[in-house]
Amino acid sequence: MNMLMNVKNKKITMIGAARSGIAVANAVGRLGGKAKISEFKSEAEVKKDLGHLHDPGAVALEFGGHTRDFILDSDCVVLSPGVRRDIPPVQWAQAKGIEVIGEIEFAYRLCPCPIIAVTGSNGKTTTSTLIAEIFKSAGRPVALCGNIGRPFSQYVADLTPTDTVVLEISSFQLESTEMFKPRVAVWLNFSQNHLDRHKDLQEYFAAKARIFANQGQDDWAVLNGQQEELKSLGASLKAKVVYFNGAKKPAGIHNPNHLAAMAVAGVFGISPAICRQVFAQFKGVEHRQELVRVLEEVEYINDSKSTTPEAGRWALVHLNKPMIMICGGSDKHLDFSPLRALVKQKVKKMIVIGQTQEVFRKTFADVVPLQACPSLDQAVLEARKSAGMGDCVVLSPMCASFDMFDDYEHRGQRFKEIVRGLA
């Protein structure tokens, strides 16, 4: 049992009042600590999130910026996943010797049960969901949380040693871990992502590799056997290493997400038969190649979870109808050019929105008809005009959503509203 942290009577200040901040504040309150939240946005902007506080009167709050006195009156400062470590409040706290940790690290230090942590450039949500479904089918209590949209801290006050946590974890979340030590760490794949946040691919790789940093001989690392960078990393790890997606695959199973989930199940002694049953019944994850409706014999598909070129490649490879593709969003300085041949082969028309319109125009205008639109609403209307019977209209942005939406879920929900509203 970890319980590396006692928050009783301690002042814990969360920077950021979004989902993670609220979850930390609620956990601190339940465990006898004093929760504080410092938020850069105005109170009105975060009102919806504040509605989820269990005991609003017991939480000290500041809005519209961070003040030194508020931050320094803390025993520990906890960062939301999106908060950078180079901001002034972090520097103030560190200068005074106040510990600064991420939300994942905070929850880990209070977690009494084994953790399966899943990272990778693509496929994290699907694989994490599959692992959780396999555990449920095997009759084992499981909490699915992390980057998937439900903060780890939301669960820690209720977990027992017989539970298992399945944690989807991003490079941002791994950056601010220190003692974090999952029983099983899964690295699905590695490709360019988040180059707006990381200096280069090496820094991004190093952030991801932190998932194994504290593991020992009793822990497990599950790695993609088809990626050379990950195969070579395996030799340097202290944990026991299992490779999935190698030359030998279980009969009839080729999807790397399924293979990874099966490898994790094997570590916990859960039978392949249970895994196969879960795969057969699995309907997929919301916002990941999700069929919204068929209208005038055109399929409308929500792939808003596609926030990288590699995720876009997955859609291009696996969807087999002529495609009107809606792309674009906030700029993570990624290179889309490796997709040129696939786009030329599979896409009838590309409609681009958001900050990256110009990047898409420069990359694809000579291989596919391309149209820029000022909004997602307009993009869906234009896509409908361009689609013929037997085509599919796919929102697969290959970019983050923060230029126009709160997150990829907000973007996907909006797409579904627009599509369902088409007469």
Protein backbone atom coordinates (compact mmCIF):
# COMPACT_ATOMS: atom_id res chain seq x y z
CA MET A 1 0.00 0.00 0.00
CA ASN A 2 1.50 3.36 -1.03
CA MET A 3 -0.12 6.02 1.15
CA LEU A 4 3.10 8.02 0.72
CA MET A 5 1.27 11.19 1.67
CA ASN A 6 -0.87 12.34 4.57
CA VAL A 7 -2.99 15.39 3.74
CA LYS A 8 -4.74 15.66 7.14
CA ASN A 9 -4.61 19.31 8.31
CA LYS A 10 -2.34 20.18 5.33
CA LYS A 11 -3.01 23.10 2.96
CA ILE A 12 -3.02 21.70 -0.58
CA THR A 13 -3.25 24.34 -3.33
CA MET A 14 -4.41 23.30 -6.78
CA ILE A 15 -3.40 25.46 -9.75
CA GLY A 16 -6.33 25.24 -12.15
CA ALA A 17 -10.03 24.77 -11.36
CA ALA A 18 -10.92 22.39 -14.20
CA ARG A 19 -11.88 18.74 -13.65
CA SER A 20 -8.55 17.75 -12.07
CA GLY A 21 -8.51 20.73 -9.69
CA ILE A 22 -12.02 20.00 -8.46
CA ALA A 23 -11.20 16.29 -8.02
CA VAL A 24 -8.08 17.12 -5.93
CA ALA A 25 -10.02 19.63 -3.79
CA ASN A 26 -12.76 17.05 -3.12
CA ALA A 27 -10.21 14.34 -2.21
CA VAL A 28 -8.31 16.72 0.11
CA GLY A 29 -11.55 17.67 1.88
CA ARG A 30 -12.58 14.04 2.38
CA LEU A 31 -9.14 13.13 3.76
CA GLY A 32 -9.16 15.94 6.33
CA GLY A 33 -6.98 18.50 4.56
CA LYS A 34 -7.54 22.15 3.63
CA ALA A 35 -8.16 22.55 -0.11
CA LYS A 36 -7.31 25.74 -2.02
CA ILE A 37 -7.71 26.51 -5.74
CA SER A 38 -5.90 29.26 -7.67
CA GLU A 39 -7.38 29.85 -11.13
CA PHE A 40 -6.13 32.09 -13.96
CA LYS A 41 -9.63 32.43 -15.50
CA SER A 42 -12.49 34.46 -14.03
CA GLU A 43 -15.03 32.86 -11.69
CA ALA A 44 -17.70 33.09 -14.43
CA GLU A 45 -15.52 31.11 -16.86
CA VAL A 46 -15.13 28.15 -14.46
CA LYS A 47 -18.57 28.27 -12.85
CA LYS A 48 -19.63 24.96 -14.44
CA ASP A 49 -16.61 23.14 -12.93
CA LEU A 50 -17.10 24.74 -9.49
CA GLY A 51 -20.56 23.16 -9.37
CA HIS A 52 -18.81 19.79 -8.79
CA LEU A 53 -17.18 20.81 -5.49
CA HIS A 54 -18.57 18.64 -2.67
CA ASP A 55 -18.23 21.40 -0.05
CA PRO A 56 -17.66 24.78 -1.77
CA GLY A 57 -17.62 26.63 1.55
CA ALA A 58 -14.62 24.62 2.75
CA VAL A 59 -12.40 25.48 -0.26
CA ALA A 60 -10.35 28.70 -0.45
CA LEU A 61 -10.58 30.12 -3.99
CA GLU A 62 -8.91 32.86 -6.03
CA PHE A 63 -9.78 33.77 -9.63
CA GLY A 64 -8.44 35.96 -12.42
CA GLY A 65 -4.77 35.22 -11.78
CA HIS A 66 -2.44 33.76 -9.16
CA THR A 67 -1.22 35.78 -6.16
CA ARG A 68 2.06 35.10 -4.39
CA ASP A 69 0.59 35.14 -0.85
CA PHE A 70 -2.14 32.65 -1.77
CA ILE A 71 0.39 30.24 -3.33
CA LEU A 72 2.96 30.56 -0.54
CA ASP A 73 0.33 29.76 2.12
CA SER A 74 0.53 26.06 1.13
CA ASP A 75 2.12 22.81 2.28
CA CYS A 76 2.01 21.41 -1.26
CA VAL A 77 1.08 22.78 -4.70
CA VAL A 78 -0.62 20.47 -7.23
CA LEU A 79 -0.70 21.23 -10.98
CA SER A 80 -3.50 20.40 -13.42
CA PRO A 81 -2.22 18.37 -16.43
CA GLY A 82 -2.34 21.38 -18.80
CA VAL A 83 -0.31 23.70 -16.52
CA ARG A 84 3.32 24.32 -17.50
CA ARG A 85 6.04 24.03 -14.85
CA ASP A 86 7.72 27.31 -15.86
CA ILE A 87 4.92 29.65 -14.67
CA PRO A 88 5.55 32.16 -11.81
CA PRO A 89 3.39 30.39 -9.13
CA VAL A 90 5.52 27.26 -9.54
CA GLN A 91 8.72 29.33 -9.23
CA TRP A 92 7.40 31.11 -6.10
CA ALA A 93 6.55 27.81 -4.43
CA GLN A 94 9.84 26.15 -5.33
CA ALA A 95 11.86 29.17 -4.13
CA LYS A 96 10.19 28.79 -0.72
CA GLY A 97 10.79 25.03 -0.64
CA ILE A 98 7.11 24.11 -1.11
CA GLU A 99 6.76 20.83 -3.00
CA VAL A 100 5.12 21.11 -6.46
CA ILE A 101 3.66 17.95 -7.97
CA GLY A 102 1.23 17.00 -10.73
CA GLU A 103 -2.30 15.71 -10.18
CA ILE A 104 -1.27 12.15 -11.15
CA GLU A 105 1.60 12.18 -8.63
CA PHE A 106 -0.75 13.51 -5.93
CA ALA A 107 -3.29 10.73 -6.54
CA TYR A 108 -0.57 8.07 -6.79
CA ARG A 109 0.73 8.98 -3.32
CA LEU A 110 -2.74 8.29 -1.90
CA CYS A 111 -3.50 5.16 -3.96
CA PRO A 112 -3.68 1.86 -2.03
CA CYS A 113 -3.91 -0.52 -5.01
CA PRO A 114 -1.99 -1.65 -8.14
CA ILE A 115 -1.92 0.69 -11.15
CA ILE A 116 -1.85 -0.24 -14.83
CA ALA A 117 -0.63 2.90 -16.65
CA VAL A 118 -1.10 3.19 -20.42
CA THR A 119 0.74 5.73 -22.57
CA GLY A 120 1.50 6.14 -26.27
CA SER A 121 1.01 8.62 -29.08
CA ASN A 122 -2.22 6.90 -30.20
CA GLY A 123 -4.67 4.27 -28.98
CA LYS A 124 -4.39 5.06 -25.25
CA THR A 125 -8.12 5.56 -24.65
CA THR A 126 -9.22 2.46 -26.56
CA THR A 127 -6.58 0.22 -24.93
CA SER A 128 -7.26 1.55 -21.42
CA THR A 129 -11.00 1.00 -21.92
CA LEU A 130 -10.42 -2.55 -23.21
CA ILE A 131 -8.22 -3.42 -20.20
CA ALA A 132 -10.87 -2.10 -17.81
CA GLU A 133 -13.60 -4.09 -19.61
CA ILE A 134 -11.47 -7.27 -19.40
CA PHE A 135 -11.01 -6.77 -15.64
CA LYS A 136 -14.77 -6.23 -15.21
CA SER A 137 -15.52 -9.39 -17.20
CA ALA A 138 -13.07 -11.30 -14.98
CA GLY A 139 -15.00 -10.06 -11.92
CA ARG A 140 -12.22 -7.79 -10.67
CA PRO A 141 -13.06 -4.30 -9.32
CA VAL A 142 -11.45 -1.64 -11.52
CA ALA A 143 -11.33 2.18 -11.82
CA LEU A 144 -10.71 3.64 -15.30
CA CYS A 145 -9.35 7.20 -15.10
CA GLY A 146 -6.64 9.71 -16.03
CA ASN A 147 -6.33 11.35 -19.42
CA ILE A 148 -9.54 9.59 -20.49
CA GLY A 149 -11.52 12.43 -18.86
CA ARG A 150 -12.05 11.24 -15.28
CA PRO A 151 -9.27 12.48 -12.98
CA PHE A 152 -7.35 9.85 -10.95
CA SER A 153 -7.92 12.02 -7.83
CA GLN A 154 -11.67 11.55 -8.21
CA TYR A 155 -11.26 7.92 -7.13
CA VAL A 156 -8.44 7.79 -4.54
CA ALA A 157 -10.56 8.38 -1.43
CA ASP A 158 -12.72 5.32 -2.26
CA LEU A 159 -10.12 2.82 -3.52
CA THR A 160 -9.17 -0.30 -1.52
CA PRO A 161 -6.13 -2.61 -1.84
CA THR A 162 -8.22 -5.16 -3.80
CA ASP A 163 -9.07 -2.67 -6.58
CA THR A 164 -7.03 -2.04 -9.72
CA VAL A 165 -6.59 1.37 -11.36
CA VAL A 166 -6.32 1.57 -15.16
CA LEU A 167 -4.79 4.94 -15.86
CA GLU A 168 -4.52 6.55 -19.29
CA ILE A 169 -1.54 8.89 -19.01
CA SER A 170 -0.12 11.55 -21.36
CA SER A 171 3.40 12.97 -21.68
CA PHE A 172 2.16 16.18 -19.97
CA GLN A 173 1.02 14.16 -16.97
CA LEU A 174 4.22 12.12 -16.86
CA GLU A 175 6.38 15.28 -16.88
CA SER A 176 5.33 16.12 -13.33
CA THR A 177 5.68 12.64 -11.79
CA GLU A 178 8.40 11.83 -9.24
CA MET A 179 7.63 8.70 -7.20
CA PHE A 180 4.93 7.40 -9.60
CA LYS A 181 5.42 3.64 -9.98
CA PRO A 182 2.79 1.61 -11.83
CA ARG A 183 2.70 -2.17 -11.32
CA VAL A 184 2.29 -2.47 -15.11
CA ALA A 185 3.40 0.28 -17.51
CA VAL A 186 2.26 0.02 -21.13
CA TRP A 187 3.83 2.03 -23.99
CA LEU A 188 1.74 1.44 -27.10
CA ASN A 189 3.60 3.37 -29.80
CA PHE A 190 5.67 6.46 -30.44
CA SER A 191 5.24 9.15 -33.11
CA GLN A 192 5.47 12.96 -33.33
CA ASN A 193 3.06 14.82 -31.04
CA HIS A 194 2.93 17.86 -28.74
CA LEU A 195 5.90 19.60 -30.36
CA ASP A 196 4.29 22.88 -29.23
CA ARG A 197 4.98 21.78 -25.64
CA HIS A 198 8.13 19.64 -25.99
CA LYS A 199 11.34 21.08 -27.42
CA ASP A 200 11.80 18.16 -29.82
CA LEU A 201 11.05 14.46 -30.32
CA GLN A 202 13.84 13.45 -27.89
CA GLU A 203 12.25 15.48 -25.08
CA TYR A 204 8.83 14.01 -25.90
CA PHE A 205 10.31 10.48 -25.86
CA ALA A 206 12.02 11.16 -22.51
CA ALA A 207 8.73 12.45 -21.01
CA LYS A 208 6.94 9.25 -22.08
CA ALA A 209 9.80 7.04 -20.80
CA ARG A 210 9.29 8.42 -17.27
CA ILE A 211 6.48 5.87 -16.96
CA PHE A 212 9.17 3.23 -16.24
CA ALA A 213 11.52 5.38 -14.12
CA ASN A 214 10.64 3.98 -10.68
CA GLN A 215 9.71 0.44 -11.64
CA GLY A 216 11.56 -2.48 -10.04
CA GLN A 217 11.98 -6.21 -10.67
CA ASP A 218 8.46 -7.00 -9.41
CA ASP A 219 6.86 -4.64 -11.94
CA TRP A 220 6.06 -5.14 -15.63
CA ALA A 221 6.72 -3.13 -18.79
CA VAL A 222 4.55 -3.90 -21.81
CA LEU A 223 6.07 -2.63 -25.06
CA ASN A 224 5.25 -2.60 -28.77
CA GLY A 225 7.49 -5.24 -30.37
CA GLN A 226 7.25 -3.62 -33.81
CA GLN A 227 8.77 -0.25 -32.88
CA GLU A 228 12.56 -0.27 -32.80
CA GLU A 229 12.82 2.65 -30.33
CA LEU A 230 10.59 0.79 -27.86
CA LYS A 231 12.24 -2.59 -28.41
CA SER A 232 15.68 -1.14 -27.71
CA LEU A 233 14.35 0.65 -24.59
CA GLY A 234 13.22 -2.72 -23.20
CA ALA A 235 16.78 -3.91 -22.62
CA SER A 236 17.53 -1.01 -20.26
CA LEU A 237 14.48 -1.40 -17.97
CA LYS A 238 14.50 -2.89 -14.46
CA ALA A 239 10.95 -4.25 -14.80
CA LYS A 240 10.06 -7.57 -16.43
CA VAL A 241 9.39 -6.83 -20.12
CA VAL A 242 6.60 -8.26 -22.28
CA TYR A 243 6.42 -7.40 -25.99
CA PHE A 244 3.10 -7.32 -27.86
CA ASN A 245 2.56 -6.93 -31.60
CA GLY A 246 5.65 -9.01 -32.41
CA ALA A 247 6.04 -11.54 -35.21
CA LYS A 248 3.94 -14.18 -33.39
CA LYS A 249 0.37 -13.05 -32.72
CA PRO A 250 -2.56 -14.94 -31.16
CA ALA A 251 -4.76 -16.49 -33.88
CA GLY A 252 -7.13 -13.96 -35.44
CA ILE A 253 -5.97 -10.93 -33.40
CA HIS A 254 -4.04 -8.27 -35.33
CA ASN A 255 -5.22 -4.98 -33.78
CA PRO A 256 -2.29 -3.63 -31.69
CA ASN A 257 -4.67 -2.21 -29.05
CA HIS A 258 -6.19 -5.67 -28.58
CA LEU A 259 -2.75 -7.29 -28.44
CA ALA A 260 -1.59 -4.82 -25.76
CA ALA A 261 -4.73 -5.39 -23.66
CA MET A 262 -4.24 -9.15 -23.96
CA ALA A 263 -0.60 -8.85 -22.81
CA VAL A 264 -1.71 -6.92 -19.69
CA ALA A 265 -4.44 -9.49 -18.97
CA GLY A 266 -1.76 -12.21 -19.17
CA VAL A 267 0.33 -10.48 -16.48
CA PHE A 268 -2.71 -10.67 -14.14
CA GLY A 269 -3.56 -14.26 -15.07
CA ILE A 270 -6.78 -13.37 -16.93
CA SER A 271 -7.53 -15.87 -19.69
CA PRO A 272 -7.33 -15.14 -23.45
CA ALA A 273 -10.93 -16.44 -23.73
CA ILE A 274 -12.20 -13.54 -21.56
CA CYS A 275 -10.20 -11.07 -23.70
CA ARG A 276 -11.63 -12.43 -26.94
CA GLN A 277 -15.17 -12.20 -25.55
CA VAL A 278 -14.60 -8.52 -24.61
CA PHE A 279 -13.12 -7.72 -28.06
CA ALA A 280 -16.12 -9.33 -29.78
CA GLN A 281 -18.60 -7.24 -27.76
CA PHE A 282 -16.62 -3.98 -27.75
CA LYS A 283 -18.53 -1.15 -29.45
CA GLY A 284 -15.60 1.27 -29.52
CA VAL A 285 -14.87 4.53 -27.70
CA GLU A 286 -16.86 7.75 -28.10
CA HIS A 287 -15.16 10.26 -30.46
CA ARG A 288 -13.01 7.48 -32.03
CA GLN A 289 -14.37 6.54 -35.46
CA GLU A 290 -17.86 6.74 -33.97
CA LEU A 291 -20.72 6.44 -36.48
CA VAL A 292 -23.08 9.36 -35.73
CA ARG A 293 -25.73 8.76 -38.41
CA VAL A 294 -26.36 7.75 -42.02
CA LEU A 295 -28.12 10.46 -44.04
CA GLU A 296 -28.89 10.19 -47.78
CA GLU A 297 -26.62 7.08 -47.83
CA VAL A 298 -23.68 9.07 -46.48
CA GLU A 299 -22.04 7.99 -43.20
CA TYR A 300 -21.08 10.76 -40.73
CA ILE A 301 -18.20 9.69 -38.49
CA ASN A 302 -16.91 11.42 -35.36
CA ASP A 303 -13.16 10.86 -34.97
CA SER A 304 -12.55 13.97 -32.83
CA LYS A 305 -10.10 11.98 -30.66
CA SER A 306 -7.76 12.15 -33.67
CA THR A 307 -5.32 14.83 -32.42
CA THR A 308 -2.17 13.70 -34.32
CA PRO A 309 -1.20 12.80 -37.90
CA GLU A 310 -0.76 9.19 -36.72
CA ALA A 311 -4.38 9.12 -35.48
CA GLY A 312 -5.44 10.53 -38.85
CA ARG A 313 -3.49 7.73 -40.56
CA TRP A 314 -5.50 5.19 -38.53
CA ALA A 315 -8.76 6.66 -39.88
CA LEU A 316 -7.42 6.79 -43.44
CA VAL A 317 -6.32 3.14 -43.31
CA HIS A 318 -9.38 1.71 -41.55
CA LEU A 319 -12.25 3.58 -43.23
CA ASN A 320 -12.89 2.11 -46.64
CA LYS A 321 -15.32 4.55 -48.27
CA PRO A 322 -14.48 7.66 -50.32
CA MET A 323 -13.96 10.32 -47.68
CA ILE A 324 -14.81 13.98 -47.15
CA MET A 325 -12.37 14.74 -44.35
CA ILE A 326 -12.77 17.66 -41.92
CA CYS A 327 -9.34 18.51 -40.47
CA GLY A 328 -7.56 21.23 -38.53
CA GLY A 329 -7.35 22.79 -35.09
CA SER A 330 -4.71 24.30 -32.85
CA ASP A 331 -1.11 24.12 -34.01
CA LYS A 332 1.21 21.60 -32.32
CA HIS A 333 3.88 22.09 -35.03
CA LEU A 334 3.41 18.59 -36.44
CA ASP A 335 4.37 17.35 -39.90
CA PHE A 336 1.41 16.04 -41.92
CA SER A 337 3.36 15.37 -45.13
CA PRO A 338 3.84 11.59 -44.51
CA LEU A 339 0.07 11.27 -45.14
CA ARG A 340 0.12 12.82 -48.63
CA ALA A 341 -0.05 9.52 -50.54
CA LEU A 342 -2.84 8.11 -48.33
CA VAL A 343 -4.87 11.33 -48.57
CA LYS A 344 -4.51 11.32 -52.36
CA GLN A 345 -5.73 7.71 -52.46
CA LYS A 346 -8.62 7.86 -49.97
CA VAL A 347 -9.91 11.46 -49.68
CA LYS A 348 -12.31 13.06 -52.20
CA LYS A 349 -12.15 16.47 -50.54
CA MET A 350 -10.50 17.98 -47.46
CA ILE A 351 -12.25 20.73 -45.50
CA VAL A 352 -10.01 22.61 -43.06
CA ILE A 353 -10.85 24.65 -39.96
CA GLY A 354 -8.95 26.36 -37.16
CA GLN A 355 -5.41 27.68 -36.70
CA THR A 356 -3.75 25.08 -38.94
CA GLN A 357 -5.68 25.89 -42.17
CA GLU A 358 -2.56 27.25 -43.85
CA VAL A 359 -0.44 24.24 -42.80
CA PHE A 360 -3.00 21.86 -44.36
CA ARG A 361 -3.23 24.00 -47.51
CA LYS A 362 0.56 23.95 -48.00
CA THR A 363 0.72 20.18 -47.33
CA PHE A 364 -2.27 18.86 -49.29
CA ALA A 365 -3.61 21.46 -51.78
CA ASP A 366 -1.74 19.82 -54.69
CA VAL A 367 -3.03 16.27 -53.92
CA VAL A 368 -6.70 16.82 -52.96
CA PRO A 369 -9.43 19.47 -53.48
CA LEU A 370 -9.25 21.59 -50.34
CA GLN A 371 -11.63 24.19 -48.86
CA ALA A 372 -11.19 26.37 -45.74
CA CYS A 373 -14.17 27.10 -43.48
CA PRO A 374 -14.47 29.56 -40.57
CA SER A 375 -16.41 27.19 -38.30
CA LEU A 376 -17.23 23.53 -37.73
CA ASP A 377 -20.91 24.24 -38.54
CA GLN A 378 -19.93 25.61 -41.94
CA ALA A 379 -17.52 22.72 -42.54
CA VAL A 380 -20.27 20.11 -41.96
CA LEU A 381 -22.62 21.94 -44.35
CA GLU A 382 -19.92 22.09 -47.05
CA ALA A 383 -19.06 18.43 -46.49
CA ARG A 384 -22.70 17.48 -46.95
CA LYS A 385 -22.82 19.36 -50.29
CA SER A 386 -19.67 17.56 -51.46
CA ALA A 387 -20.62 14.02 -50.39
CA GLY A 388 -22.34 11.54 -52.71
CA MET A 389 -24.12 8.24 -51.99
CA GLY A 390 -21.70 5.71 -50.53
CA ASP A 391 -19.24 8.36 -49.23
CA CYS A 392 -18.41 9.13 -45.62
CA VAL A 393 -17.95 12.52 -43.93
CA VAL A 394 -15.28 12.18 -41.24
CA LEU A 395 -14.27 14.68 -38.57
CA SER A 396 -10.64 13.56 -38.08
CA PRO A 397 -8.88 16.82 -37.16
CA MET A 398 -5.33 15.43 -36.58
CA CYS A 399 -4.89 18.50 -34.32
CA ALA A 400 -5.71 19.57 -30.77
CA SER A 401 -8.97 21.46 -30.29
CA PHE A 402 -8.00 24.35 -28.02
CA ASP A 403 -8.21 27.09 -30.69
CA MET A 404 -12.01 26.63 -30.97
CA PHE A 405 -13.17 24.18 -28.26
CA ASP A 406 -12.54 23.20 -24.61
CA ASP A 407 -11.17 19.78 -25.61
CA TYR A 408 -11.62 17.01 -28.19
CA GLU A 409 -14.80 15.82 -26.38
CA HIS A 410 -16.41 19.28 -26.70
CA ARG A 411 -15.44 19.30 -30.41
CA GLY A 412 -16.86 15.79 -30.95
CA GLN A 413 -20.11 16.60 -29.11
CA ARG A 414 -20.54 19.76 -31.22
CA PHE A 415 -19.97 17.75 -34.44
CA LYS A 416 -22.62 15.24 -33.36
CA GLU A 417 -25.10 18.03 -32.55
CA ILE A 418 -24.57 19.61 -35.97
CA VAL A 419 -24.86 16.28 -37.82
CA ARG A 420 -27.99 15.20 -35.91
CA GLY A 421 -29.53 18.59 -36.68
CA LEU A 422 -29.16 18.16 -40.47
CA ALA A 423 -32.60 18.02 -42.06
